[in-house]
């Protein structure tokens, strides 16, 4: 039996957590990694980034006017991919763990209360034979983080760089999968931006009292040029008045764009099927919930 993976918003990551983050687009990467880095810098924690991006191009932190200052003071440490490779440019798990271990030890000696560590190792999957090395690196990295209670870590992975089976194996070494912070969460309804496809993931109860936050979130996605997907997989209750609201919104957006309704509650999907989708202009049926 594999490890049960729990989804957790990036704002709830705490010392001792080791999370996977498979991302689909640069926008999704920035939406999650940006707050992770910013929160650490604001809390005066040590922030370590391993990857190909320079400190002025870090996801979600690019163009930060204080990035140079954080690098000068040592609070932000950017480790280039070459520092964790063999001279031939191939990923070396031993070298990576040694480099990261030294950084964590130094952070403790400098008096930082916690360490935020994130590594984007997607580049390594371009190399021949890198996948087994990545698996070994993930397993040993999990052990290393578990031994450091002041460390919180996010392992990034571009989903387009590996197969579905490889993705499951690489993320399966983690107990957490980090997600974006919600756009809205009042304890009854949670709305989170989603990517590839663009849209919103909804969870909880969607009633008429929560029309305003739904419209606000839709507007934030509405600048996209493609269809917008609404994921209802975790919706326990859906007021039918929301469908009327969605039709009104859909008729106002760019011609040719639609709202795609994924994983509707069975009773709502059955009712729409009876009425006919033609009575809901601008809305379209997406994937169905598993029976």
C-alpha atoms as a PDB file:
ATOM      1  CA  UNK A   1       0.000   0.000   0.000  1.00  0.00           C
ATOM      2  CA  UNK A   2       1.441   3.410  -0.970  1.00  0.00           C
ATOM      3  CA  UNK A   3       1.726   6.515   1.163  1.00  0.00           C
ATOM      4  CA  UNK A   4      -1.494   8.463   1.517  1.00  0.00           C
ATOM      5  CA  UNK A   5      -0.797  11.954   0.174  1.00  0.00           C
ATOM      6  CA  UNK A   6      -2.619  14.918   1.724  1.00  0.00           C
ATOM      7  CA  UNK A   7      -3.158  18.182  -0.185  1.00  0.00           C
ATOM      8  CA  UNK A   8      -2.213  21.274   1.812  1.00  0.00           C
ATOM      9  CA  UNK A   9      -2.210  24.986   0.902  1.00  0.00           C
ATOM     10  CA  UNK A  10       1.280  26.451   0.730  1.00  0.00           C
ATOM     11  CA  UNK A  11       0.441  28.967   3.460  1.00  0.00           C
ATOM     12  CA  UNK A  12      -0.043  26.088   5.914  1.00  0.00           C
ATOM     13  CA  UNK A  13       3.388  24.512   5.388  1.00  0.00           C
ATOM     14  CA  UNK A  14       5.217  24.251   8.696  1.00  0.00           C
ATOM     15  CA  UNK A  15       8.681  23.124   9.899  1.00  0.00           C
ATOM     16  CA  UNK A  16       8.985  19.367   9.542  1.00  0.00           C
ATOM     17  CA  UNK A  17       6.804  19.255   6.409  1.00  0.00           C
ATOM     18  CA  UNK A  18       8.153  17.745   3.189  1.00  0.00           C
ATOM     19  CA  UNK A  19       5.783  18.328   0.281  1.00  0.00           C
ATOM     20  CA  UNK A  20       5.665  17.497  -3.406  1.00  0.00           C
ATOM     21  CA  UNK A  21       4.639  20.122  -5.932  1.00  0.00           C
ATOM     22  CA  UNK A  22       4.001  18.840  -9.459  1.00  0.00           C
ATOM     23  CA  UNK A  23       3.204  21.908 -11.563  1.00  0.00           C
ATOM     24  CA  UNK A  24       1.873  22.300 -15.089  1.00  0.00           C
ATOM     25  CA  UNK A  25       2.637  25.917 -16.024  1.00  0.00           C
ATOM     26  CA  UNK A  26       4.975  28.738 -14.953  1.00  0.00           C
ATOM     27  CA  UNK A  27       1.907  30.610 -13.646  1.00  0.00           C
ATOM     28  CA  UNK A  28       1.004  27.717 -11.356  1.00  0.00           C
ATOM     29  CA  UNK A  29       4.614  27.448 -10.189  1.00  0.00           C
ATOM     30  CA  UNK A  30       4.724  31.164  -9.360  1.00  0.00           C
ATOM     31  CA  UNK A  31       1.367  31.010  -7.557  1.00  0.00           C
ATOM     32  CA  UNK A  32       2.659  28.408  -5.095  1.00  0.00           C
ATOM     33  CA  UNK A  33       6.404  28.970  -4.822  1.00  0.00           C
ATOM     34  CA  UNK A  34       6.157  32.780  -4.695  1.00  0.00           C
ATOM     35  CA  UNK A  35       4.213  32.841  -1.387  1.00  0.00           C
ATOM     36  CA  UNK A  36       6.462  30.107   0.046  1.00  0.00           C
ATOM     37  CA  UNK A  37       9.543  32.255  -0.576  1.00  0.00           C
ATOM     38  CA  UNK A  38       7.914  35.539   0.431  1.00  0.00           C
ATOM     39  CA  UNK A  39       6.543  34.168   3.710  1.00  0.00           C
ATOM     40  CA  UNK A  40       9.980  32.861   4.660  1.00  0.00           C
ATOM     41  CA  UNK A  41      11.734  36.136   3.912  1.00  0.00           C
ATOM     42  CA  UNK A  42       9.081  38.109   5.805  1.00  0.00           C
ATOM     43  CA  UNK A  43       9.465  35.799   8.824  1.00  0.00           C
ATOM     44  CA  UNK A  44      13.273  36.197   8.768  1.00  0.00           C
ATOM     45  CA  UNK A  45      13.742  32.517   8.008  1.00  0.00           C
ATOM     46  CA  UNK A  46      16.552  31.130   5.884  1.00  0.00           C
ATOM     47  CA  UNK A  47      15.307  30.553   2.316  1.00  0.00           C
ATOM     48  CA  UNK A  48      17.187  28.124   0.055  1.00  0.00           C
ATOM     49  CA  UNK A  49      16.313  27.611  -3.615  1.00  0.00           C
ATOM     50  CA  UNK A  50      17.953  24.917  -5.738  1.00  0.00           C
ATOM     51  CA  UNK A  51      17.428  25.163  -9.479  1.00  0.00           C
ATOM     52  CA  UNK A  52      18.282  26.849 -12.743  1.00  0.00           C
ATOM     53  CA  UNK A  53      16.698  30.256 -12.042  1.00  0.00           C
ATOM     54  CA  UNK A  54      18.785  33.156 -10.785  1.00  0.00           C
ATOM     55  CA  UNK A  55      17.601  35.113  -7.736  1.00  0.00           C
ATOM     56  CA  UNK A  56      15.971  37.773  -9.913  1.00  0.00           C
ATOM     57  CA  UNK A  57      13.939  35.163 -11.804  1.00  0.00           C
ATOM     58  CA  UNK A  58      12.668  32.939  -8.997  1.00  0.00           C
ATOM     59  CA  UNK A  59       9.032  31.807  -9.491  1.00  0.00           C
ATOM     60  CA  UNK A  60       6.678  34.374  -8.025  1.00  0.00           C
ATOM     61  CA  UNK A  61       9.577  36.454  -6.733  1.00  0.00           C
ATOM     62  CA  UNK A  62      10.959  37.714 -10.032  1.00  0.00           C
ATOM     63  CA  UNK A  63      11.569  41.448  -9.957  1.00  0.00           C
ATOM     64  CA  UNK A  64      11.402  41.651  -6.158  1.00  0.00           C
ATOM     65  CA  UNK A  65      13.244  44.920  -5.375  1.00  0.00           C
ATOM     66  CA  UNK A  66      14.716  43.428  -2.184  1.00  0.00           C
ATOM     67  CA  UNK A  67      16.027  40.214  -3.785  1.00  0.00           C
ATOM     68  CA  UNK A  68      19.560  41.608  -4.105  1.00  0.00           C
ATOM     69  CA  UNK A  69      19.553  42.658  -0.450  1.00  0.00           C
ATOM     70  CA  UNK A  70      18.325  39.254   0.731  1.00  0.00           C
ATOM     71  CA  UNK A  71      21.114  37.590  -1.268  1.00  0.00           C
ATOM     72  CA  UNK A  72      23.749  39.964   0.150  1.00  0.00           C
ATOM     73  CA  UNK A  73      22.679  39.293   3.736  1.00  0.00           C
ATOM     74  CA  UNK A  74      22.612  35.549   3.083  1.00  0.00           C
ATOM     75  CA  UNK A  75      18.956  35.121   4.064  1.00  0.00           C
ATOM     76  CA  UNK A  76      18.201  34.050   0.487  1.00  0.00           C
ATOM     77  CA  UNK A  77      20.545  31.420  -0.877  1.00  0.00           C
ATOM     78  CA  UNK A  78      20.161  30.357  -4.523  1.00  0.00           C
ATOM     79  CA  UNK A  79      22.078  27.187  -5.398  1.00  0.00           C
ATOM     80  CA  UNK A  80      22.582  26.666  -9.143  1.00  0.00           C
ATOM     81  CA  UNK A  81      21.884  23.234 -10.574  1.00  0.00           C
ATOM     82  CA  UNK A  82      25.557  22.808 -11.449  1.00  0.00           C
ATOM     83  CA  UNK A  83      26.491  22.786  -7.771  1.00  0.00           C
ATOM     84  CA  UNK A  84      24.645  19.478  -7.254  1.00  0.00           C
ATOM     85  CA  UNK A  85      26.041  17.772 -10.342  1.00  0.00           C
ATOM     86  CA  UNK A  86      29.082  15.770 -11.277  1.00  0.00           C
ATOM     87  CA  UNK A  87      31.672  17.512 -13.491  1.00  0.00           C
ATOM     88  CA  UNK A  88      29.962  15.940 -16.527  1.00  0.00           C
ATOM     89  CA  UNK A  89      26.748  17.765 -15.596  1.00  0.00           C
ATOM     90  CA  UNK A  90      24.800  14.737 -14.313  1.00  0.00           C
ATOM     91  CA  UNK A  91      22.730  14.869 -11.121  1.00  0.00           C
ATOM     92  CA  UNK A  92      24.637  13.506  -8.116  1.00  0.00           C
ATOM     93  CA  UNK A  93      22.344  12.698  -5.132  1.00  0.00           C
ATOM     94  CA  UNK A  94      25.316  12.499  -2.755  1.00  0.00           C
ATOM     95  CA  UNK A  95      26.572  15.918  -3.764  1.00  0.00           C
ATOM     96  CA  UNK A  96      23.091  17.425  -3.590  1.00  0.00           C
ATOM     97  CA  UNK A  97      22.491  16.153  -0.063  1.00  0.00           C
ATOM     98  CA  UNK A  98      25.933  17.305   1.042  1.00  0.00           C
ATOM     99  CA  UNK A  99      25.416  20.820  -0.340  1.00  0.00           C
ATOM    100  CA  UNK A 100      21.966  21.155   1.201  1.00  0.00           C
ATOM    101  CA  UNK A 101      23.176  19.706   4.508  1.00  0.00           C
ATOM    102  CA  UNK A 102      25.913  22.331   4.741  1.00  0.00           C
ATOM    103  CA  UNK A 103      23.393  25.107   4.049  1.00  0.00           C
ATOM    104  CA  UNK A 104      21.036  23.851   6.760  1.00  0.00           C
ATOM    105  CA  UNK A 105      23.862  23.565   9.298  1.00  0.00           C
ATOM    106  CA  UNK A 106      25.058  27.070   8.462  1.00  0.00           C
ATOM    107  CA  UNK A 107      21.525  28.455   8.822  1.00  0.00           C
ATOM    108  CA  UNK A 108      21.282  27.002  12.348  1.00  0.00           C
ATOM    109  CA  UNK A 109      24.674  28.486  13.255  1.00  0.00           C
ATOM    110  CA  UNK A 110      23.496  31.876  11.982  1.00  0.00           C
ATOM    111  CA  UNK A 111      20.498  31.737  14.302  1.00  0.00           C
ATOM    112  CA  UNK A 112      17.676  31.436  11.781  1.00  0.00           C
ATOM    113  CA  UNK A 113      14.542  30.046  13.495  1.00  0.00           C
ATOM    114  CA  UNK A 114      13.592  27.880  10.507  1.00  0.00           C
ATOM    115  CA  UNK A 115      14.722  26.979   7.005  1.00  0.00           C
ATOM    116  CA  UNK A 116      12.551  27.017   3.884  1.00  0.00           C
ATOM    117  CA  UNK A 117      14.007  24.814   1.193  1.00  0.00           C
ATOM    118  CA  UNK A 118      12.677  24.226  -2.290  1.00  0.00           C
ATOM    119  CA  UNK A 119      14.293  22.514  -5.249  1.00  0.00           C
ATOM    120  CA  UNK A 120      13.169  22.417  -8.865  1.00  0.00           C
ATOM    121  CA  UNK A 121      14.871  19.319 -10.226  1.00  0.00           C
ATOM    122  CA  UNK A 122      12.864  19.161 -13.442  1.00  0.00           C
ATOM    123  CA  UNK A 123      15.986  19.935 -15.466  1.00  0.00           C
ATOM    124  CA  UNK A 124      17.542  16.625 -14.419  1.00  0.00           C
ATOM    125  CA  UNK A 125      14.881  14.634 -16.242  1.00  0.00           C
ATOM    126  CA  UNK A 126      16.316  15.845 -19.545  1.00  0.00           C
ATOM    127  CA  UNK A 127      19.380  13.685 -18.872  1.00  0.00           C
ATOM    128  CA  UNK A 128      19.660  10.075 -19.938  1.00  0.00           C
ATOM    129  CA  UNK A 129      19.208   7.703 -16.989  1.00  0.00           C
ATOM    130  CA  UNK A 130      18.228  10.515 -14.611  1.00  0.00           C
ATOM    131  CA  UNK A 131      14.912   9.017 -13.447  1.00  0.00           C
ATOM    132  CA  UNK A 132      16.408   6.320 -11.147  1.00  0.00           C
ATOM    133  CA  UNK A 133      18.760   8.944  -9.698  1.00  0.00           C
ATOM    134  CA  UNK A 134      15.786  11.241  -9.057  1.00  0.00           C
ATOM    135  CA  UNK A 135      13.952   8.450  -7.218  1.00  0.00           C
ATOM    136  CA  UNK A 136      16.985   7.735  -5.057  1.00  0.00           C
ATOM    137  CA  UNK A 137      17.476  11.443  -4.408  1.00  0.00           C
ATOM    138  CA  UNK A 138      13.829  11.921  -3.351  1.00  0.00           C
ATOM    139  CA  UNK A 139      13.919   8.977  -0.933  1.00  0.00           C
ATOM    140  CA  UNK A 140      17.145  10.096   0.739  1.00  0.00           C
ATOM    141  CA  UNK A 141      16.042  13.711   0.761  1.00  0.00           C
ATOM    142  CA  UNK A 142      12.867  12.718   2.628  1.00  0.00           C
ATOM    143  CA  UNK A 143      14.995  11.029   5.303  1.00  0.00           C
ATOM    144  CA  UNK A 144      17.271  14.065   5.591  1.00  0.00           C
ATOM    145  CA  UNK A 145      14.360  16.510   6.013  1.00  0.00           C
ATOM    146  CA  UNK A 146      12.689  14.248   8.588  1.00  0.00           C
ATOM    147  CA  UNK A 147      15.841  14.491  10.700  1.00  0.00           C
ATOM    148  CA  UNK A 148      15.720  18.322  10.659  1.00  0.00           C
ATOM    149  CA  UNK A 149      12.626  19.560  12.563  1.00  0.00           C
ATOM    150  CA  UNK A 150      13.325  23.211  11.718  1.00  0.00           C
ATOM    151  CA  UNK A 151      13.241  22.561   7.956  1.00  0.00           C
ATOM    152  CA  UNK A 152      10.213  22.761   5.664  1.00  0.00           C
ATOM    153  CA  UNK A 153      10.755  21.592   2.100  1.00  0.00           C
ATOM    154  CA  UNK A 154       8.938  21.604  -1.236  1.00  0.00           C
ATOM    155  CA  UNK A 155      10.140  19.392  -4.098  1.00  0.00           C
ATOM    156  CA  UNK A 156       9.059  20.905  -7.417  1.00  0.00           C
ATOM    157  CA  UNK A 157       8.534  18.900 -10.579  1.00  0.00           C
ATOM    158  CA  UNK A 158       7.381  20.001 -14.020  1.00  0.00           C
ATOM    159  CA  UNK A 159       4.737  17.419 -14.945  1.00  0.00           C
ATOM    160  CA  UNK A 160       5.542  17.725 -18.646  1.00  0.00           C
ATOM    161  CA  UNK A 161       9.063  16.341 -18.086  1.00  0.00           C
ATOM    162  CA  UNK A 162       7.999  12.844 -17.016  1.00  0.00           C
ATOM    163  CA  UNK A 163       5.442  10.118 -17.660  1.00  0.00           C
ATOM    164  CA  UNK A 164       2.375   9.598 -15.474  1.00  0.00           C
ATOM    165  CA  UNK A 165       3.978   6.542 -13.849  1.00  0.00           C
ATOM    166  CA  UNK A 166       7.184   8.431 -13.130  1.00  0.00           C
ATOM    167  CA  UNK A 167       5.225  11.334 -11.686  1.00  0.00           C
ATOM    168  CA  UNK A 168       3.324   9.037  -9.323  1.00  0.00           C
ATOM    169  CA  UNK A 169       6.557   7.404  -8.166  1.00  0.00           C
ATOM    170  CA  UNK A 170       8.401  10.690  -7.638  1.00  0.00           C
ATOM    171  CA  UNK A 171       5.565  12.333  -5.716  1.00  0.00           C
ATOM    172  CA  UNK A 172       4.782   9.114  -3.848  1.00  0.00           C
ATOM    173  CA  UNK A 173       7.792   9.604  -1.587  1.00  0.00           C
ATOM    174  CA  UNK A 174       5.983  12.550   0.053  1.00  0.00           C
ATOM    175  CA  UNK A 175       3.112  12.632   2.530  1.00  0.00           C
ATOM    176  CA  UNK A 176       2.037  16.110   1.434  1.00  0.00           C
ATOM    177  CA  UNK A 177       1.209  17.693  -1.915  1.00  0.00           C
ATOM    178  CA  UNK A 178       1.311  21.459  -1.718  1.00  0.00           C
ATOM    179  CA  UNK A 179      -1.381  23.518  -3.459  1.00  0.00           C
ATOM    180  CA  UNK A 180      -2.057  27.199  -4.036  1.00  0.00           C
ATOM    181  CA  UNK A 181      -3.530  29.263  -1.235  1.00  0.00           C
ATOM    182  CA  UNK A 182      -7.307  29.656  -1.623  1.00  0.00           C
ATOM    183  CA  UNK A 183      -8.715  32.720  -3.325  1.00  0.00           C
ATOM    184  CA  UNK A 184     -11.528  32.549  -0.773  1.00  0.00           C
ATOM    185  CA  UNK A 185     -12.190  30.383   2.289  1.00  0.00           C
ATOM    186  CA  UNK A 186     -14.817  31.105   4.930  1.00  0.00           C
ATOM    187  CA  UNK A 187     -14.984  27.593   6.362  1.00  0.00           C
ATOM    188  CA  UNK A 188     -18.065  26.756   4.271  1.00  0.00           C
ATOM    189  CA  UNK A 189     -16.775  27.372   0.745  1.00  0.00           C
ATOM    190  CA  UNK A 190     -13.196  27.259  -0.488  1.00  0.00           C
ATOM    191  CA  UNK A 191     -12.208  28.578  -3.926  1.00  0.00           C
ATOM    192  CA  UNK A 192      -8.745  27.868  -5.327  1.00  0.00           C
ATOM    193  CA  UNK A 193      -7.237  28.845  -8.684  1.00  0.00           C
ATOM    194  CA  UNK A 194      -6.383  25.886 -10.900  1.00  0.00           C
ATOM    195  CA  UNK A 195      -4.165  25.566 -13.977  1.00  0.00           C
ATOM    196  CA  UNK A 196      -3.920  23.380 -17.080  1.00  0.00           C
ATOM    197  CA  UNK A 197      -6.797  23.774 -17.616  1.00  0.00           C
ATOM    198  CA  UNK A 198      -7.352  27.296 -16.289  1.00  0.00           C
ATOM    199  CA  UNK A 199     -10.179  27.641 -13.848  1.00  0.00           C
ATOM    200  CA  UNK A 200     -11.306  27.291 -10.247  1.00  0.00           C
ATOM    201  CA  UNK A 201     -11.466  24.353  -7.862  1.00  0.00           C
ATOM    202  CA  UNK A 202     -14.495  24.590  -5.572  1.00  0.00           C
ATOM    203  CA  UNK A 203     -14.994  22.769  -2.275  1.00  0.00           C
ATOM    204  CA  UNK A 204     -17.758  22.829   0.336  1.00  0.00           C
ATOM    205  CA  UNK A 205     -21.178  24.427  -0.077  1.00  0.00           C
ATOM    206  CA  UNK A 206     -21.942  26.789  -2.939  1.00  0.00           C
ATOM    207  CA  UNK A 207     -25.098  28.717  -2.076  1.00  0.00           C
ATOM    208  CA  UNK A 208     -26.525  32.077  -3.144  1.00  0.00           C
ATOM    209  CA  UNK A 209     -24.986  33.780  -0.101  1.00  0.00           C
ATOM    210  CA  UNK A 210     -21.575  33.175  -1.642  1.00  0.00           C
ATOM    211  CA  UNK A 211     -22.214  34.561  -5.101  1.00  0.00           C
ATOM    212  CA  UNK A 212     -19.963  37.586  -4.601  1.00  0.00           C
ATOM    213  CA  UNK A 213     -16.717  35.683  -3.818  1.00  0.00           C
ATOM    214  CA  UNK A 214     -17.471  33.314  -6.697  1.00  0.00           C
ATOM    215  CA  UNK A 215     -17.880  36.225  -9.123  1.00  0.00           C
ATOM    216  CA  UNK A 216     -14.696  37.849  -7.819  1.00  0.00           C
ATOM    217  CA  UNK A 217     -12.744  34.630  -8.362  1.00  0.00           C
ATOM    218  CA  UNK A 218     -14.242  34.140 -11.821  1.00  0.00           C
ATOM    219  CA  UNK A 219     -13.220  37.661 -12.775  1.00  0.00           C
ATOM    220  CA  UNK A 220      -9.630  36.947 -11.703  1.00  0.00           C
ATOM    221  CA  UNK A 221      -9.553  34.009 -14.129  1.00  0.00           C
ATOM    222  CA  UNK A 222     -11.597  35.760 -16.787  1.00  0.00           C
ATOM    223  CA  UNK A 223      -8.582  37.448 -18.353  1.00  0.00           C
ATOM    224  CA  UNK A 224      -7.580  34.120 -19.848  1.00  0.00           C
ATOM    225  CA  UNK A 225      -8.283  33.550 -23.536  1.00  0.00           C
ATOM    226  CA  UNK A 226      -9.370  29.926 -23.183  1.00  0.00           C
ATOM    227  CA  UNK A 227     -12.378  28.202 -21.676  1.00  0.00           C
ATOM    228  CA  UNK A 228     -12.622  28.339 -17.883  1.00  0.00           C
ATOM    229  CA  UNK A 229     -13.064  25.048 -16.012  1.00  0.00           C
ATOM    230  CA  UNK A 230     -14.988  24.904 -12.741  1.00  0.00           C
ATOM    231  CA  UNK A 231     -14.168  21.795 -10.695  1.00  0.00           C
ATOM    232  CA  UNK A 232     -17.096  20.744  -8.483  1.00  0.00           C
ATOM    233  CA  UNK A 233     -15.550  17.443  -7.318  1.00  0.00           C
ATOM    234  CA  UNK A 234     -15.462  18.538  -3.661  1.00  0.00           C
ATOM    235  CA  UNK A 235     -18.753  20.461  -3.651  1.00  0.00           C
ATOM    236  CA  UNK A 236     -21.243  18.976  -1.177  1.00  0.00           C
ATOM    237  CA  UNK A 237     -24.130  21.331  -2.011  1.00  0.00           C
ATOM    238  CA  UNK A 238     -24.892  23.439  -5.071  1.00  0.00           C
ATOM    239  CA  UNK A 239     -27.786  25.891  -5.091  1.00  0.00           C
ATOM    240  CA  UNK A 240     -29.435  25.850  -8.512  1.00  0.00           C
ATOM    241  CA  UNK A 241     -29.459  29.645  -8.463  1.00  0.00           C
ATOM    242  CA  UNK A 242     -25.696  29.462  -8.948  1.00  0.00           C
ATOM    243  CA  UNK A 243     -26.299  28.010 -12.425  1.00  0.00           C
ATOM    244  CA  UNK A 244     -28.281  31.113 -13.375  1.00  0.00           C
ATOM    245  CA  UNK A 245     -25.442  33.272 -12.068  1.00  0.00           C
ATOM    246  CA  UNK A 246     -22.932  31.316 -14.155  1.00  0.00           C
ATOM    247  CA  UNK A 247     -25.050  31.708 -17.303  1.00  0.00           C
ATOM    248  CA  UNK A 248     -25.211  35.473 -16.751  1.00  0.00           C
ATOM    249  CA  UNK A 249     -21.457  35.608 -16.304  1.00  0.00           C
ATOM    250  CA  UNK A 250     -20.768  33.352 -19.304  1.00  0.00           C
ATOM    251  CA  UNK A 251     -22.813  35.585 -21.591  1.00  0.00           C
ATOM    252  CA  UNK A 252     -20.653  38.572 -20.614  1.00  0.00           C
ATOM    253  CA  UNK A 253     -17.234  37.055 -21.343  1.00  0.00           C
ATOM    254  CA  UNK A 254     -15.454  36.935 -24.691  1.00  0.00           C
ATOM    255  CA  UNK A 255     -17.367  35.332 -27.581  1.00  0.00           C
ATOM    256  CA  UNK A 256     -16.466  31.690 -28.097  1.00  0.00           C
ATOM    257  CA  UNK A 257     -15.307  31.179 -24.508  1.00  0.00           C
ATOM    258  CA  UNK A 258     -17.272  28.896 -22.206  1.00  0.00           C
ATOM    259  CA  UNK A 259     -17.509  27.841 -18.597  1.00  0.00           C
ATOM    260  CA  UNK A 260     -16.853  24.090 -18.440  1.00  0.00           C
ATOM    261  CA  UNK A 261     -18.527  22.400 -15.460  1.00  0.00           C
ATOM    262  CA  UNK A 262     -16.494  19.410 -14.266  1.00  0.00           C
ATOM    263  CA  UNK A 263     -17.555  16.758 -11.731  1.00  0.00           C
ATOM    264  CA  UNK A 264     -20.988  18.201 -10.975  1.00  0.00           C
ATOM    265  CA  UNK A 265     -22.936  16.641  -8.082  1.00  0.00           C
ATOM    266  CA  UNK A 266     -24.999  13.743  -9.530  1.00  0.00           C
ATOM    267  CA  UNK A 267     -28.383  15.316  -8.722  1.00  0.00           C
ATOM    268  CA  UNK A 268     -27.451  18.587 -10.434  1.00  0.00           C
ATOM    269  CA  UNK A 269     -25.958  16.817 -13.449  1.00  0.00           C
ATOM    270  CA  UNK A 270     -29.112  14.702 -13.782  1.00  0.00           C
ATOM    271  CA  UNK A 271     -31.367  17.751 -13.590  1.00  0.00           C
ATOM    272  CA  UNK A 272     -29.378  19.616 -16.252  1.00  0.00           C
ATOM    273  CA  UNK A 273     -29.424  16.548 -18.453  1.00  0.00           C
ATOM    274  CA  UNK A 274     -33.222  16.479 -18.171  1.00  0.00           C
ATOM    275  CA  UNK A 275     -33.597  20.194 -18.915  1.00  0.00           C
ATOM    276  CA  UNK A 276     -31.003  20.151 -21.684  1.00  0.00           C
ATOM    277  CA  UNK A 277     -27.710  22.031 -21.801  1.00  0.00           C
ATOM    278  CA  UNK A 278     -29.163  24.258 -24.521  1.00  0.00           C
ATOM    279  CA  UNK A 279     -31.066  26.080 -21.765  1.00  0.00           C
ATOM    280  CA  UNK A 280     -27.754  27.090 -20.148  1.00  0.00           C
ATOM    281  CA  UNK A 281     -25.996  29.143 -22.862  1.00  0.00           C
ATOM    282  CA  UNK A 282     -22.289  29.618 -22.260  1.00  0.00           C
ATOM    283  CA  UNK A 283     -22.053  26.574 -20.007  1.00  0.00           C
ATOM    284  CA  UNK A 284     -20.782  23.197 -21.148  1.00  0.00           C
ATOM    285  CA  UNK A 285     -20.605  19.738 -19.637  1.00  0.00           C
ATOM    286  CA  UNK A 286     -17.110  18.640 -18.602  1.00  0.00           C
ATOM    287  CA  UNK A 287     -15.933  15.383 -17.085  1.00  0.00           C
ATOM    288  CA  UNK A 288     -18.327  13.400 -14.885  1.00  0.00           C
ATOM    289  CA  UNK A 289     -17.783  12.269 -11.303  1.00  0.00           C
ATOM    290  CA  UNK A 290     -16.754   8.638 -10.939  1.00  0.00           C
ATOM    291  CA  UNK A 291     -19.795   6.532 -10.075  1.00  0.00           C
END
